[in-house]
Each structure stands twice: as structure tokens, then as C-alpha cells.
Amino acid sequence: MWLIMLFSLLAISGCGEQQATKVVRYSQPQVCEFATTMAQLDAQRPDPKQLRFLNETWRTLLTEERFRPDEKPIAAQRMTELNYYLAQDTLQLLDKVLGITAETYEEIEALRRFASNPKEMKVPDSMIRNYRNAVQACCADAVSRNATALLRAEKESGLYAVGRRAYFMQRDVNALLDNELTFADYRQKLDAAKSKLPAMAPKLKLDTDWVTCRKQR
């Protein structure tokens, strides 16, 4: 009889211990790698190239549904804060493109002044080629990748506004060179987008406390 009671107590005790065991839900390895990459950024001045890479990784992880439900909003908030710096980088790149465009515009205008029909004057292919090469060497790829990242933001946000200016860069510079848009008006468009960004840079939180990763052996 005593043995039966003893075995019963052991069985009950064992069940209690099993119920108290906490099940650890580990983050997927890709998410852990993403969090580690984010944590390695410079919190004062994140490198734009690294931000572009991080945004591309972020999109892939979202598409593949790699995040746990509790991880996704934290990652989204941190990416929004990081992309403030990507927006600032975009404005600087567009400023460089504007400078290159202004130089080319002056060259084209010099030719138009001597043309018999300025409106119908054909711009030399070599001038167009030199302009495109200069923009490509300076910023074209970076502006395009920045636009892809920033246009994922909320439509009323400053990030989205800057992303639109980046997305329509080619259209806008063509309008500038064709005298369909003045440089002053384009500058106003850039300033309007910039004014929608937060006045102060966000304080970045980049640690990995939001993921649960297996320890490396």
C-alpha cells in the first residue's frame, strides 16, 4: 500500500515538473543573422551601403515570413528609425545629381543660344552619354535602391516623400534639361520632402535583445 502511494506521489511530482518546463521558441537563423548585422551598425552614423543591404534582407525575411509574431513589429520599428538615415543619404545623393544636371543644363543652354531653332535643337549624343555616365558613376544605383526601401514606408511619412523624389529622379532631371521644370521648383520639391522627416535624428536601439538565438558552439 505504501509503495503504491509513493509511486503515485512520484508520478504527480513528475507531471508538475513537466508542466513547469518553459518551451523556448528560437528565432530562425536568418533572423538571428539579420539582428546581428543590425547590431553591428554604427549607431551614430549608419553606413548607407549597409543600410541598403539590411533593407534588402528585411524584405526577403518578410516575404519568406521568417519572423515570429513578437519579432516583426520590433524589427519594423527599428528599420523605420534606421531609414531616417537612408532618407538623409538619399537627399544628399539627389543634391549631387542636381549639381551634375545643372552643369549639363548650362552646356545645353550654351548650344541653344546659337541654334536657329532652340526648341527643336537636338542635344548631341556625346553630351547625353557623358551626363548619364556621370550620374551612373555618382549615384544612380544607390538612389534606385534607396527608393525601393523608402517607398515601403507609410504614404504620409517623410520616408515615403523622400522615396518618391528618388523614384522619380529620372523623370525630374529630364524635365529640368528640357526646361519643363525649373531648378528652383525642383529644389522646393526636395525641401518639401525633407521637411516631412523628423527634426531630430532618432536614437537608435540596435542590440539583439528582441531575438532568441541558439548559442554558437
N, C-alpha and C. Protein backbone atom coordinates (compact mmCIF):
# COMPACT_ATOMS: atom_id res chain seq x y z
N MET A 1 0.84 -1.20 0.00
CA MET A 1 0.00 0.00 0.00
C MET A 1 0.87 1.25 0.00
N TRP A 2 1.89 1.25 0.87
CA TRP A 2 2.79 2.42 0.95
C TRP A 2 3.55 2.60 -0.35
N LEU A 3 3.92 1.48 -0.97
CA LEU A 3 4.64 1.57 -2.25
C LEU A 3 3.76 2.19 -3.33
N ILE A 4 2.48 1.82 -3.34
CA ILE A 4 1.55 2.37 -4.33
C ILE A 4 1.42 3.87 -4.14
N MET A 5 1.30 4.33 -2.87
CA MET A 5 1.17 5.77 -2.58
C MET A 5 2.44 6.51 -2.99
N LEU A 6 3.60 5.88 -2.74
CA LEU A 6 4.88 6.51 -3.08
C LEU A 6 5.00 6.70 -4.58
N PHE A 7 4.66 5.65 -5.34
CA PHE A 7 4.71 5.75 -6.80
C PHE A 7 3.74 6.81 -7.32
N SER A 8 2.57 6.93 -6.66
CA SER A 8 1.58 7.93 -7.07
C SER A 8 2.12 9.34 -6.87
N LEU A 9 2.79 9.56 -5.73
CA LEU A 9 3.37 10.88 -5.44
C LEU A 9 4.46 11.23 -6.44
N LEU A 10 5.28 10.23 -6.77
CA LEU A 10 6.35 10.46 -7.74
C LEU A 10 5.78 10.83 -9.11
N ALA A 11 4.69 10.15 -9.48
CA ALA A 11 4.06 10.41 -10.77
C ALA A 11 3.50 11.82 -10.82
N ILE A 12 2.84 12.23 -9.72
CA ILE A 12 2.26 13.58 -9.66
C ILE A 12 3.36 14.63 -9.70
N SER A 13 4.43 14.38 -8.93
CA SER A 13 5.56 15.30 -8.89
C SER A 13 6.20 15.44 -10.27
N GLY A 14 6.34 14.34 -10.97
CA GLY A 14 6.93 14.36 -12.31
C GLY A 14 6.10 15.17 -13.28
N CYS A 15 4.78 15.03 -13.19
CA CYS A 15 3.89 15.80 -14.08
C CYS A 15 4.02 17.28 -13.82
N GLY A 16 4.12 17.63 -12.53
CA GLY A 16 4.26 19.04 -12.16
C GLY A 16 5.51 19.64 -12.74
N GLU A 17 6.61 18.91 -12.68
CA GLU A 17 7.87 19.42 -13.22
C GLU A 17 7.78 19.58 -14.73
N GLN A 18 7.11 18.67 -15.40
CA GLN A 18 6.98 18.73 -16.85
C GLN A 18 6.16 19.94 -17.28
N GLN A 19 5.09 20.25 -16.52
CA GLN A 19 4.25 21.38 -16.85
C GLN A 19 4.99 22.70 -16.64
N ALA A 20 5.91 22.73 -15.68
CA ALA A 20 6.62 23.97 -15.37
C ALA A 20 7.74 24.27 -16.35
N THR A 21 8.12 23.28 -17.15
CA THR A 21 9.21 23.48 -18.11
C THR A 21 8.77 24.47 -19.18
N LYS A 22 9.56 25.52 -19.38
CA LYS A 22 9.25 26.55 -20.36
C LYS A 22 9.77 26.14 -21.73
N VAL A 23 8.89 26.24 -22.72
CA VAL A 23 9.28 25.91 -24.08
C VAL A 23 9.91 27.15 -24.72
N VAL A 24 11.14 27.02 -25.16
CA VAL A 24 11.85 28.14 -25.78
C VAL A 24 11.59 28.13 -27.28
N ARG A 25 11.08 29.24 -27.78
CA ARG A 25 10.85 29.36 -29.23
C ARG A 25 12.02 30.16 -29.81
N TYR A 26 12.89 29.46 -30.46
CA TYR A 26 14.07 30.12 -31.02
C TYR A 26 13.73 30.86 -32.31
N SER A 27 14.43 31.95 -32.51
CA SER A 27 14.30 32.69 -33.77
C SER A 27 14.93 31.88 -34.90
N GLN A 28 14.46 32.11 -36.09
CA GLN A 28 15.05 31.42 -37.23
C GLN A 28 16.47 31.95 -37.46
N PRO A 29 17.37 31.11 -37.95
CA PRO A 29 18.77 31.53 -38.14
C PRO A 29 18.92 32.79 -38.99
N GLN A 30 18.07 32.92 -40.01
CA GLN A 30 18.16 34.10 -40.88
C GLN A 30 17.83 35.37 -40.12
N VAL A 31 16.88 35.27 -39.19
CA VAL A 31 16.50 36.42 -38.37
C VAL A 31 17.63 36.76 -37.40
N CYS A 32 18.25 35.74 -36.84
CA CYS A 32 19.39 35.97 -35.94
C CYS A 32 20.53 36.68 -36.67
N GLU A 33 20.79 36.25 -37.89
CA GLU A 33 21.85 36.88 -38.68
C GLU A 33 21.49 38.33 -39.00
N PHE A 34 20.22 38.56 -39.31
CA PHE A 34 19.72 39.91 -39.57
C PHE A 34 19.91 40.80 -38.35
N ALA A 35 19.54 40.29 -37.18
CA ALA A 35 19.67 41.06 -35.94
C ALA A 35 21.13 41.36 -35.62
N THR A 36 22.00 40.39 -35.86
CA THR A 36 23.43 40.59 -35.61
C THR A 36 24.00 41.65 -36.54
N THR A 37 23.62 41.60 -37.81
CA THR A 37 24.07 42.60 -38.78
C THR A 37 23.62 44.00 -38.36
N MET A 38 22.38 44.09 -37.90
CA MET A 38 21.85 45.37 -37.44
C MET A 38 22.63 45.89 -36.24
N ALA A 39 22.94 44.99 -35.31
CA ALA A 39 23.65 45.38 -34.09
C ALA A 39 25.06 45.88 -34.37
N GLN A 40 25.62 45.49 -35.50
CA GLN A 40 26.99 45.87 -35.84
C GLN A 40 27.07 47.24 -36.53
N LEU A 41 25.92 47.85 -36.80
CA LEU A 41 25.91 49.17 -37.43
C LEU A 41 26.42 50.23 -36.46
N ASP A 42 26.93 51.30 -37.01
CA ASP A 42 27.32 52.46 -36.21
C ASP A 42 26.05 53.19 -35.79
N ALA A 43 25.78 53.24 -34.50
CA ALA A 43 24.53 53.83 -34.01
C ALA A 43 24.48 55.34 -34.20
N GLN A 44 25.63 55.96 -34.39
CA GLN A 44 25.67 57.41 -34.58
C GLN A 44 25.54 57.80 -36.06
N ARG A 45 26.14 57.00 -36.92
CA ARG A 45 26.10 57.29 -38.36
C ARG A 45 26.14 55.97 -39.13
N PRO A 46 25.00 55.31 -39.30
CA PRO A 46 24.97 54.03 -40.04
C PRO A 46 25.44 54.22 -41.48
N ASP A 47 26.21 53.26 -41.95
CA ASP A 47 26.72 53.32 -43.32
C ASP A 47 25.59 53.07 -44.32
N PRO A 48 25.38 53.95 -45.30
CA PRO A 48 24.29 53.78 -46.26
C PRO A 48 24.34 52.46 -47.02
N LYS A 49 25.54 52.01 -47.38
CA LYS A 49 25.66 50.74 -48.10
C LYS A 49 25.14 49.59 -47.25
N GLN A 50 25.48 49.61 -45.96
CA GLN A 50 24.99 48.56 -45.06
C GLN A 50 23.48 48.67 -44.87
N LEU A 51 22.97 49.89 -44.85
CA LEU A 51 21.52 50.08 -44.72
C LEU A 51 20.77 49.54 -45.94
N ARG A 52 21.35 49.75 -47.11
CA ARG A 52 20.71 49.20 -48.32
C ARG A 52 20.68 47.68 -48.27
N PHE A 53 21.78 47.08 -47.85
CA PHE A 53 21.84 45.62 -47.73
C PHE A 53 20.83 45.13 -46.69
N LEU A 54 20.75 45.84 -45.56
CA LEU A 54 19.84 45.44 -44.48
C LEU A 54 18.39 45.53 -44.95
N ASN A 55 18.05 46.54 -45.72
CA ASN A 55 16.69 46.68 -46.24
C ASN A 55 16.34 45.55 -47.19
N GLU A 56 17.29 45.14 -48.00
CA GLU A 56 17.04 44.03 -48.92
C GLU A 56 16.84 42.72 -48.15
N THR A 57 17.63 42.54 -47.10
CA THR A 57 17.45 41.35 -46.24
C THR A 57 16.10 41.39 -45.55
N TRP A 58 15.72 42.55 -45.06
CA TRP A 58 14.44 42.76 -44.38
C TRP A 58 13.28 42.38 -45.30
N ARG A 59 13.33 42.81 -46.55
CA ARG A 59 12.25 42.48 -47.50
C ARG A 59 12.18 40.97 -47.73
N THR A 60 13.34 40.34 -47.85
CA THR A 60 13.37 38.89 -48.07
C THR A 60 12.77 38.14 -46.89
N LEU A 61 13.13 38.54 -45.68
CA LEU A 61 12.62 37.88 -44.48
C LEU A 61 11.11 38.06 -44.34
N LEU A 62 10.62 39.23 -44.72
CA LEU A 62 9.18 39.47 -44.68
C LEU A 62 8.46 38.59 -45.69
N THR A 63 9.00 38.53 -46.89
CA THR A 63 8.39 37.73 -47.96
C THR A 63 8.34 36.25 -47.57
N GLU A 64 9.41 35.78 -46.95
CA GLU A 64 9.50 34.37 -46.57
C GLU A 64 8.87 34.09 -45.21
N GLU A 65 8.32 35.12 -44.57
CA GLU A 65 7.64 35.01 -43.27
C GLU A 65 8.54 34.34 -42.23
N ARG A 66 9.74 34.86 -42.08
CA ARG A 66 10.72 34.29 -41.15
C ARG A 66 10.54 34.77 -39.71
N PHE A 67 9.89 35.91 -39.53
CA PHE A 67 9.80 36.50 -38.19
C PHE A 67 8.71 35.84 -37.35
N ARG A 68 8.97 35.72 -36.04
CA ARG A 68 7.92 35.35 -35.11
C ARG A 68 6.98 36.55 -34.97
N PRO A 69 5.73 36.33 -34.53
CA PRO A 69 4.78 37.45 -34.39
C PRO A 69 5.30 38.56 -33.47
N ASP A 70 6.03 38.20 -32.42
CA ASP A 70 6.53 39.21 -31.49
C ASP A 70 7.77 39.94 -32.03
N GLU A 71 8.45 39.35 -33.00
CA GLU A 71 9.67 39.95 -33.55
C GLU A 71 9.37 40.99 -34.62
N LYS A 72 8.35 40.73 -35.41
CA LYS A 72 8.10 41.55 -36.60
C LYS A 72 7.90 43.04 -36.28
N PRO A 73 7.04 43.41 -35.30
CA PRO A 73 6.85 44.85 -35.04
C PRO A 73 8.11 45.53 -34.51
N ILE A 74 8.92 44.81 -33.75
CA ILE A 74 10.16 45.39 -33.23
C ILE A 74 11.13 45.65 -34.37
N ALA A 75 11.27 44.66 -35.24
CA ALA A 75 12.16 44.82 -36.40
C ALA A 75 11.68 45.95 -37.29
N ALA A 76 10.36 46.06 -37.49
CA ALA A 76 9.80 47.11 -38.34
C ALA A 76 10.10 48.49 -37.77
N GLN A 77 9.94 48.64 -36.46
CA GLN A 77 10.22 49.93 -35.81
C GLN A 77 11.69 50.31 -35.96
N ARG A 78 12.56 49.35 -35.77
CA ARG A 78 14.00 49.63 -35.88
C ARG A 78 14.40 49.97 -37.31
N MET A 79 13.78 49.32 -38.28
CA MET A 79 14.09 49.63 -39.67
C MET A 79 13.58 51.03 -40.03
N THR A 80 12.43 51.41 -39.49
CA THR A 80 11.91 52.76 -39.73
C THR A 80 12.88 53.81 -39.21
N GLU A 81 13.40 53.57 -38.02
CA GLU A 81 14.35 54.52 -37.43
C GLU A 81 15.66 54.56 -38.21
N LEU A 82 16.13 53.40 -38.64
CA LEU A 82 17.35 53.35 -39.43
C LEU A 82 17.17 54.06 -40.78
N ASN A 83 15.99 53.94 -41.34
CA ASN A 83 15.76 54.51 -42.67
C ASN A 83 15.67 56.03 -42.67
N TYR A 84 15.61 56.63 -41.49
CA TYR A 84 15.77 58.09 -41.41
C TYR A 84 17.12 58.46 -42.01
N TYR A 85 18.14 57.68 -41.67
CA TYR A 85 19.49 57.95 -42.17
C TYR A 85 19.59 57.63 -43.66
N LEU A 86 18.83 56.65 -44.12
CA LEU A 86 18.81 56.34 -45.55
C LEU A 86 18.14 57.48 -46.32
N ALA A 87 17.12 58.09 -45.73
CA ALA A 87 16.46 59.23 -46.36
C ALA A 87 17.42 60.41 -46.47
N GLN A 88 18.20 60.65 -45.41
CA GLN A 88 19.18 61.73 -45.44
C GLN A 88 20.23 61.47 -46.52
N ASP A 89 20.65 60.22 -46.63
CA ASP A 89 21.61 59.85 -47.68
C ASP A 89 21.01 60.09 -49.06
N THR A 90 19.73 59.78 -49.21
CA THR A 90 19.05 59.97 -50.49
C THR A 90 19.02 61.44 -50.89
N LEU A 91 18.73 62.31 -49.94
CA LEU A 91 18.70 63.74 -50.22
C LEU A 91 20.08 64.25 -50.65
N GLN A 92 21.11 63.73 -50.02
CA GLN A 92 22.48 64.12 -50.40
C GLN A 92 22.81 63.64 -51.82
N LEU A 93 22.39 62.43 -52.13
CA LEU A 93 22.64 61.89 -53.48
C LEU A 93 21.88 62.69 -54.54
N LEU A 94 20.63 63.03 -54.24
CA LEU A 94 19.84 63.82 -55.19
C LEU A 94 20.45 65.21 -55.38
N ASP A 95 21.05 65.72 -54.32
CA ASP A 95 21.74 67.01 -54.41
C ASP A 95 22.93 66.92 -55.38
N LYS A 96 23.64 65.79 -55.32
CA LYS A 96 24.76 65.58 -56.25
C LYS A 96 24.26 65.47 -57.69
N VAL A 97 23.18 64.73 -57.87
CA VAL A 97 22.59 64.60 -59.21
C VAL A 97 22.16 65.97 -59.72
N LEU A 98 21.60 66.78 -58.83
CA LEU A 98 21.16 68.11 -59.23
C LEU A 98 22.34 68.96 -59.69
N GLY A 99 23.48 68.82 -59.01
CA GLY A 99 24.68 69.55 -59.41
C GLY A 99 25.17 69.14 -60.79
N ILE A 100 25.19 67.82 -61.04
CA ILE A 100 25.61 67.31 -62.35
C ILE A 100 24.63 67.78 -63.44
N THR A 101 23.34 67.75 -63.10
CA THR A 101 22.32 68.18 -64.06
C THR A 101 22.45 69.66 -64.39
N ALA A 102 22.75 70.47 -63.38
CA ALA A 102 22.91 71.91 -63.60
C ALA A 102 24.08 72.20 -64.54
N GLU A 103 25.17 71.47 -64.37
CA GLU A 103 26.33 71.65 -65.26
C GLU A 103 25.98 71.29 -66.70
N THR A 104 25.29 70.17 -66.86
CA THR A 104 24.89 69.74 -68.21
C THR A 104 23.88 70.72 -68.81
N TYR A 105 22.99 71.21 -67.98
CA TYR A 105 21.99 72.19 -68.44
C TYR A 105 22.67 73.43 -69.01
N GLU A 106 23.70 73.92 -68.32
CA GLU A 106 24.42 75.11 -68.79
C GLU A 106 25.10 74.84 -70.14
N GLU A 107 25.62 73.64 -70.31
CA GLU A 107 26.25 73.27 -71.58
C GLU A 107 25.22 73.24 -72.71
N ILE A 108 24.05 72.67 -72.40
CA ILE A 108 22.98 72.59 -73.41
C ILE A 108 22.47 73.99 -73.75
N GLU A 109 22.29 74.83 -72.73
CA GLU A 109 21.80 76.19 -72.96
C GLU A 109 22.78 76.99 -73.81
N ALA A 110 24.07 76.75 -73.62
CA ALA A 110 25.08 77.45 -74.44
C ALA A 110 24.90 77.10 -75.91
N LEU A 111 24.58 75.84 -76.19
CA LEU A 111 24.33 75.43 -77.58
C LEU A 111 23.02 76.02 -78.10
N ARG A 112 22.01 76.06 -77.26
CA ARG A 112 20.70 76.58 -77.68
C ARG A 112 20.78 78.06 -78.07
N ARG A 113 21.64 78.79 -77.39
CA ARG A 113 21.75 80.22 -77.68
C ARG A 113 22.22 80.49 -79.11
N PHE A 114 22.93 79.52 -79.66
CA PHE A 114 23.45 79.70 -81.02
C PHE A 114 22.64 78.91 -82.06
N ALA A 115 21.61 78.20 -81.59
CA ALA A 115 20.80 77.39 -82.51
C ALA A 115 19.75 78.26 -83.20
N SER A 116 19.47 77.95 -84.46
CA SER A 116 18.45 78.71 -85.21
C SER A 116 17.05 78.44 -84.67
N ASN A 117 16.84 77.21 -84.16
CA ASN A 117 15.55 76.85 -83.57
C ASN A 117 15.82 76.13 -82.25
N PRO A 118 16.01 76.90 -81.15
CA PRO A 118 16.41 76.31 -79.87
C PRO A 118 15.48 75.20 -79.37
N LYS A 119 14.17 75.37 -79.58
CA LYS A 119 13.22 74.38 -79.06
C LYS A 119 13.34 73.04 -79.77
N GLU A 120 13.75 73.07 -81.02
CA GLU A 120 13.86 71.84 -81.80
C GLU A 120 15.30 71.33 -81.88
N MET A 121 16.20 72.00 -81.19
CA MET A 121 17.62 71.61 -81.27
C MET A 121 17.84 70.22 -80.69
N LYS A 122 18.58 69.43 -81.41
CA LYS A 122 18.93 68.09 -80.92
C LYS A 122 20.20 68.18 -80.08
N VAL A 123 20.09 67.67 -78.86
CA VAL A 123 21.26 67.65 -77.97
C VAL A 123 22.23 66.58 -78.46
N PRO A 124 23.50 66.90 -78.59
CA PRO A 124 24.48 65.91 -79.07
C PRO A 124 24.48 64.64 -78.23
N ASP A 125 24.57 63.50 -78.91
CA ASP A 125 24.57 62.22 -78.20
C ASP A 125 25.71 62.13 -77.20
N SER A 126 26.85 62.69 -77.54
CA SER A 126 28.01 62.62 -76.65
C SER A 126 27.74 63.34 -75.33
N MET A 127 27.00 64.44 -75.39
CA MET A 127 26.66 65.19 -74.18
C MET A 127 25.71 64.39 -73.30
N ILE A 128 24.73 63.76 -73.94
CA ILE A 128 23.78 62.92 -73.19
C ILE A 128 24.51 61.74 -72.56
N ARG A 129 25.40 61.13 -73.33
CA ARG A 129 26.15 59.98 -72.83
C ARG A 129 27.04 60.37 -71.64
N ASN A 130 27.70 61.50 -71.75
CA ASN A 130 28.56 61.96 -70.65
C ASN A 130 27.74 62.24 -69.39
N TYR A 131 26.56 62.80 -69.59
CA TYR A 131 25.69 63.09 -68.45
C TYR A 131 25.25 61.80 -67.76
N ARG A 132 24.78 60.85 -68.55
CA ARG A 132 24.32 59.58 -67.98
C ARG A 132 25.45 58.85 -67.26
N ASN A 133 26.63 58.87 -67.85
CA ASN A 133 27.78 58.21 -67.22
C ASN A 133 28.12 58.86 -65.89
N ALA A 134 28.03 60.19 -65.83
CA ALA A 134 28.35 60.90 -64.60
C ALA A 134 27.34 60.58 -63.50
N VAL A 135 26.06 60.54 -63.86
CA VAL A 135 25.02 60.21 -62.88
C VAL A 135 25.15 58.77 -62.42
N GLN A 136 25.45 57.88 -63.36
CA GLN A 136 25.61 56.47 -63.03
C GLN A 136 26.78 56.27 -62.08
N ALA A 137 27.89 56.92 -62.37
CA ALA A 137 29.08 56.78 -61.53
C ALA A 137 28.87 57.36 -60.15
N CYS A 138 28.07 58.40 -60.09
CA CYS A 138 27.85 59.07 -58.81
C CYS A 138 26.82 58.36 -57.95
N CYS A 139 25.65 58.13 -58.50
CA CYS A 139 24.55 57.85 -57.58
C CYS A 139 23.39 57.00 -58.08
N ALA A 140 23.29 56.73 -59.36
CA ALA A 140 22.06 56.16 -59.91
C ALA A 140 21.62 54.88 -59.20
N ASP A 141 22.54 53.94 -59.02
CA ASP A 141 22.18 52.66 -58.40
C ASP A 141 21.77 52.85 -56.95
N ALA A 142 22.52 53.67 -56.23
CA ALA A 142 22.21 53.91 -54.81
C ALA A 142 20.86 54.59 -54.66
N VAL A 143 20.57 55.57 -55.51
CA VAL A 143 19.27 56.26 -55.45
C VAL A 143 18.13 55.29 -55.71
N SER A 144 18.30 54.41 -56.69
CA SER A 144 17.27 53.43 -57.03
C SER A 144 17.01 52.47 -55.87
N ARG A 145 18.08 51.98 -55.26
CA ARG A 145 17.92 51.04 -54.14
C ARG A 145 17.33 51.74 -52.91
N ASN A 146 17.73 52.98 -52.69
CA ASN A 146 17.15 53.75 -51.59
C ASN A 146 15.65 53.95 -51.79
N ALA A 147 15.28 54.27 -53.03
CA ALA A 147 13.86 54.48 -53.34
C ALA A 147 13.05 53.23 -53.04
N THR A 148 13.56 52.08 -53.44
CA THR A 148 12.87 50.81 -53.20
C THR A 148 12.62 50.60 -51.71
N ALA A 149 13.61 50.94 -50.89
CA ALA A 149 13.48 50.77 -49.44
C ALA A 149 12.50 51.78 -48.85
N LEU A 150 12.63 53.04 -49.22
CA LEU A 150 11.84 54.10 -48.60
C LEU A 150 10.38 54.07 -49.01
N LEU A 151 10.08 53.58 -50.19
CA LEU A 151 8.69 53.54 -50.65
C LEU A 151 7.86 52.48 -49.95
N ARG A 152 8.49 51.69 -49.10
CA ARG A 152 7.75 50.71 -48.29
C ARG A 152 7.19 51.35 -47.02
N ALA A 153 7.59 52.58 -46.76
CA ALA A 153 7.12 53.29 -45.56
C ALA A 153 5.67 53.74 -45.75
N GLU A 154 5.06 54.22 -44.67
CA GLU A 154 3.69 54.72 -44.74
C GLU A 154 3.63 55.92 -45.69
N LYS A 155 2.56 56.02 -46.45
CA LYS A 155 2.47 57.02 -47.51
C LYS A 155 2.49 58.45 -47.02
N GLU A 156 2.11 58.67 -45.77
CA GLU A 156 2.10 60.04 -45.25
C GLU A 156 3.42 60.41 -44.58
N SER A 157 4.37 59.50 -44.58
CA SER A 157 5.62 59.73 -43.85
C SER A 157 6.65 60.48 -44.69
N GLY A 158 7.63 61.03 -43.98
CA GLY A 158 8.75 61.69 -44.65
C GLY A 158 9.58 60.71 -45.45
N LEU A 159 9.71 59.49 -44.95
CA LEU A 159 10.48 58.47 -45.67
C LEU A 159 9.88 58.23 -47.05
N TYR A 160 8.57 58.13 -47.10
CA TYR A 160 7.89 57.88 -48.38
C TYR A 160 8.06 59.09 -49.31
N ALA A 161 7.97 60.29 -48.74
CA ALA A 161 8.10 61.51 -49.55
C ALA A 161 9.48 61.59 -50.21
N VAL A 162 10.51 61.27 -49.44
CA VAL A 162 11.86 61.27 -49.99
C VAL A 162 12.02 60.14 -51.00
N GLY A 163 11.42 58.99 -50.70
CA GLY A 163 11.47 57.86 -51.62
C GLY A 163 10.85 58.19 -52.97
N ARG A 164 9.76 58.96 -52.97
CA ARG A 164 9.11 59.36 -54.23
C ARG A 164 10.04 60.24 -55.07
N ARG A 165 10.72 61.15 -54.40
CA ARG A 165 11.65 62.02 -55.14
C ARG A 165 12.76 61.19 -55.76
N ALA A 166 13.22 60.19 -55.03
CA ALA A 166 14.26 59.31 -55.57
C ALA A 166 13.72 58.47 -56.72
N TYR A 167 12.51 57.96 -56.56
CA TYR A 167 11.90 57.10 -57.58
C TYR A 167 11.71 57.86 -58.90
N PHE A 168 11.34 59.15 -58.80
CA PHE A 168 11.08 59.95 -60.00
C PHE A 168 12.28 60.79 -60.42
N MET A 169 13.46 60.42 -59.97
CA MET A 169 14.66 61.20 -60.29
C MET A 169 14.84 61.34 -61.80
N GLN A 170 14.75 60.24 -62.53
CA GLN A 170 14.99 60.27 -63.98
C GLN A 170 13.99 61.18 -64.67
N ARG A 171 12.73 61.08 -64.29
CA ARG A 171 11.69 61.93 -64.89
C ARG A 171 11.98 63.40 -64.60
N ASP A 172 12.35 63.69 -63.36
CA ASP A 172 12.57 65.07 -62.95
C ASP A 172 13.78 65.70 -63.64
N VAL A 173 14.88 64.96 -63.75
CA VAL A 173 16.06 65.56 -64.39
C VAL A 173 15.82 65.76 -65.88
N ASN A 174 15.05 64.88 -66.50
CA ASN A 174 14.69 65.08 -67.91
C ASN A 174 13.89 66.37 -68.07
N ALA A 175 12.96 66.60 -67.12
CA ALA A 175 12.15 67.82 -67.17
C ALA A 175 13.02 69.06 -66.96
N LEU A 176 14.03 68.95 -66.11
CA LEU A 176 14.95 70.07 -65.90
C LEU A 176 15.72 70.39 -67.18
N LEU A 177 16.25 69.36 -67.81
CA LEU A 177 17.06 69.57 -69.01
C LEU A 177 16.22 70.05 -70.19
N ASP A 178 14.93 69.71 -70.19
CA ASP A 178 14.04 70.13 -71.28
C ASP A 178 13.32 71.44 -70.98
N ASN A 179 13.69 72.10 -69.88
CA ASN A 179 13.06 73.36 -69.47
C ASN A 179 11.58 73.21 -69.15
N GLU A 180 11.17 72.01 -68.75
CA GLU A 180 9.78 71.79 -68.34
C GLU A 180 9.63 71.95 -66.83
N LEU A 181 10.74 72.04 -66.13
CA LEU A 181 10.77 72.21 -64.68
C LEU A 181 11.97 73.08 -64.34
N THR A 182 11.75 74.09 -63.51
CA THR A 182 12.88 74.95 -63.14
C THR A 182 13.65 74.33 -61.98
N PHE A 183 14.90 74.72 -61.86
CA PHE A 183 15.71 74.21 -60.76
C PHE A 183 15.17 74.69 -59.42
N ALA A 184 14.62 75.90 -59.39
CA ALA A 184 14.04 76.42 -58.15
C ALA A 184 12.83 75.59 -57.72
N ASP A 185 11.99 75.22 -58.69
CA ASP A 185 10.81 74.40 -58.38
C ASP A 185 11.22 73.00 -57.90
N TYR A 186 12.24 72.45 -58.54
CA TYR A 186 12.70 71.13 -58.12
C TYR A 186 13.29 71.19 -56.72
N ARG A 187 14.03 72.25 -56.43
CA ARG A 187 14.58 72.41 -55.08
C ARG A 187 13.47 72.50 -54.05
N GLN A 188 12.37 73.15 -54.40
CA GLN A 188 11.23 73.22 -53.49
C GLN A 188 10.64 71.84 -53.21
N LYS A 189 10.60 71.01 -54.25
CA LYS A 189 10.09 69.65 -54.08
C LYS A 189 10.97 68.86 -53.10
N LEU A 190 12.29 69.01 -53.25
CA LEU A 190 13.21 68.32 -52.34
C LEU A 190 13.05 68.84 -50.91
N ASP A 191 12.93 70.15 -50.77
CA ASP A 191 12.79 70.75 -49.44
C ASP A 191 11.48 70.32 -48.78
N ALA A 192 10.42 70.20 -49.59
CA ALA A 192 9.13 69.77 -49.05
C ALA A 192 9.20 68.34 -48.52
N ALA A 193 9.89 67.49 -49.26
CA ALA A 193 10.06 66.10 -48.80
C ALA A 193 10.90 66.06 -47.53
N LYS A 194 11.97 66.84 -47.51
CA LYS A 194 12.85 66.87 -46.34
C LYS A 194 12.13 67.36 -45.10
N SER A 195 11.22 68.32 -45.28
CA SER A 195 10.51 68.91 -44.13
C SER A 195 9.59 67.91 -43.45
N LYS A 196 9.25 66.82 -44.14
CA LYS A 196 8.38 65.80 -43.55
C LYS A 196 9.14 64.82 -42.65
N LEU A 197 10.46 64.85 -42.73
CA LEU A 197 11.26 63.98 -41.87
C LEU A 197 11.28 64.54 -40.45
N PRO A 198 11.50 63.70 -39.44
CA PRO A 198 11.62 64.20 -38.07
C PRO A 198 12.73 65.24 -37.97
N ALA A 199 12.51 66.26 -37.14
CA ALA A 199 13.50 67.32 -36.99
C ALA A 199 14.79 66.81 -36.37
N MET A 200 14.65 65.82 -35.49
CA MET A 200 15.81 65.25 -34.80
C MET A 200 16.01 63.80 -35.25
N ALA A 201 17.26 63.42 -35.40
CA ALA A 201 17.57 62.03 -35.74
C ALA A 201 17.15 61.11 -34.61
N PRO A 202 16.52 59.98 -34.92
CA PRO A 202 16.10 59.06 -33.85
C PRO A 202 17.30 58.44 -33.15
N LYS A 203 17.13 58.17 -31.87
CA LYS A 203 18.17 57.48 -31.12
C LYS A 203 18.02 55.99 -31.39
N LEU A 204 19.02 55.41 -32.00
CA LEU A 204 18.93 54.02 -32.45
C LEU A 204 19.14 53.03 -31.31
N LYS A 205 18.33 51.98 -31.32
CA LYS A 205 18.48 50.85 -30.39
C LYS A 205 18.76 49.64 -31.27
N LEU A 206 19.99 49.15 -31.22
CA LEU A 206 20.41 48.14 -32.18
C LEU A 206 20.79 46.80 -31.57
N ASP A 207 20.60 46.63 -30.27
CA ASP A 207 21.02 45.36 -29.65
C ASP A 207 20.13 44.21 -30.13
N THR A 208 20.50 43.02 -29.73
CA THR A 208 19.81 41.81 -30.21
C THR A 208 18.86 41.22 -29.17
N ASP A 209 18.37 42.05 -28.25
CA ASP A 209 17.53 41.52 -27.18
C ASP A 209 16.14 41.11 -27.64
N TRP A 210 15.80 41.38 -28.89
CA TRP A 210 14.46 41.05 -29.40
C TRP A 210 14.41 39.69 -30.09
N VAL A 211 15.54 39.03 -30.21
CA VAL A 211 15.58 37.70 -30.82
C VAL A 211 16.09 36.68 -29.80
N THR A 212 15.73 35.42 -30.02
CA THR A 212 16.19 34.33 -29.16
C THR A 212 16.95 33.35 -30.03
N CYS A 213 18.26 33.42 -29.94
CA CYS A 213 19.10 32.64 -30.85
C CYS A 213 19.86 31.55 -30.10
N ARG A 214 20.09 30.45 -30.77
CA ARG A 214 20.89 29.37 -30.19
C ARG A 214 22.34 29.82 -30.10
N LYS A 215 22.99 29.45 -29.03
CA LYS A 215 24.39 29.81 -28.85
C LYS A 215 25.27 29.05 -29.83
N GLN A 216 26.21 29.78 -30.40
CA GLN A 216 27.14 29.15 -31.33
C GLN A 216 28.09 28.22 -30.57
N ARG A 217 28.28 27.02 -31.10
CA ARG A 217 29.19 26.07 -30.45
C ARG A 217 30.60 26.24 -30.98
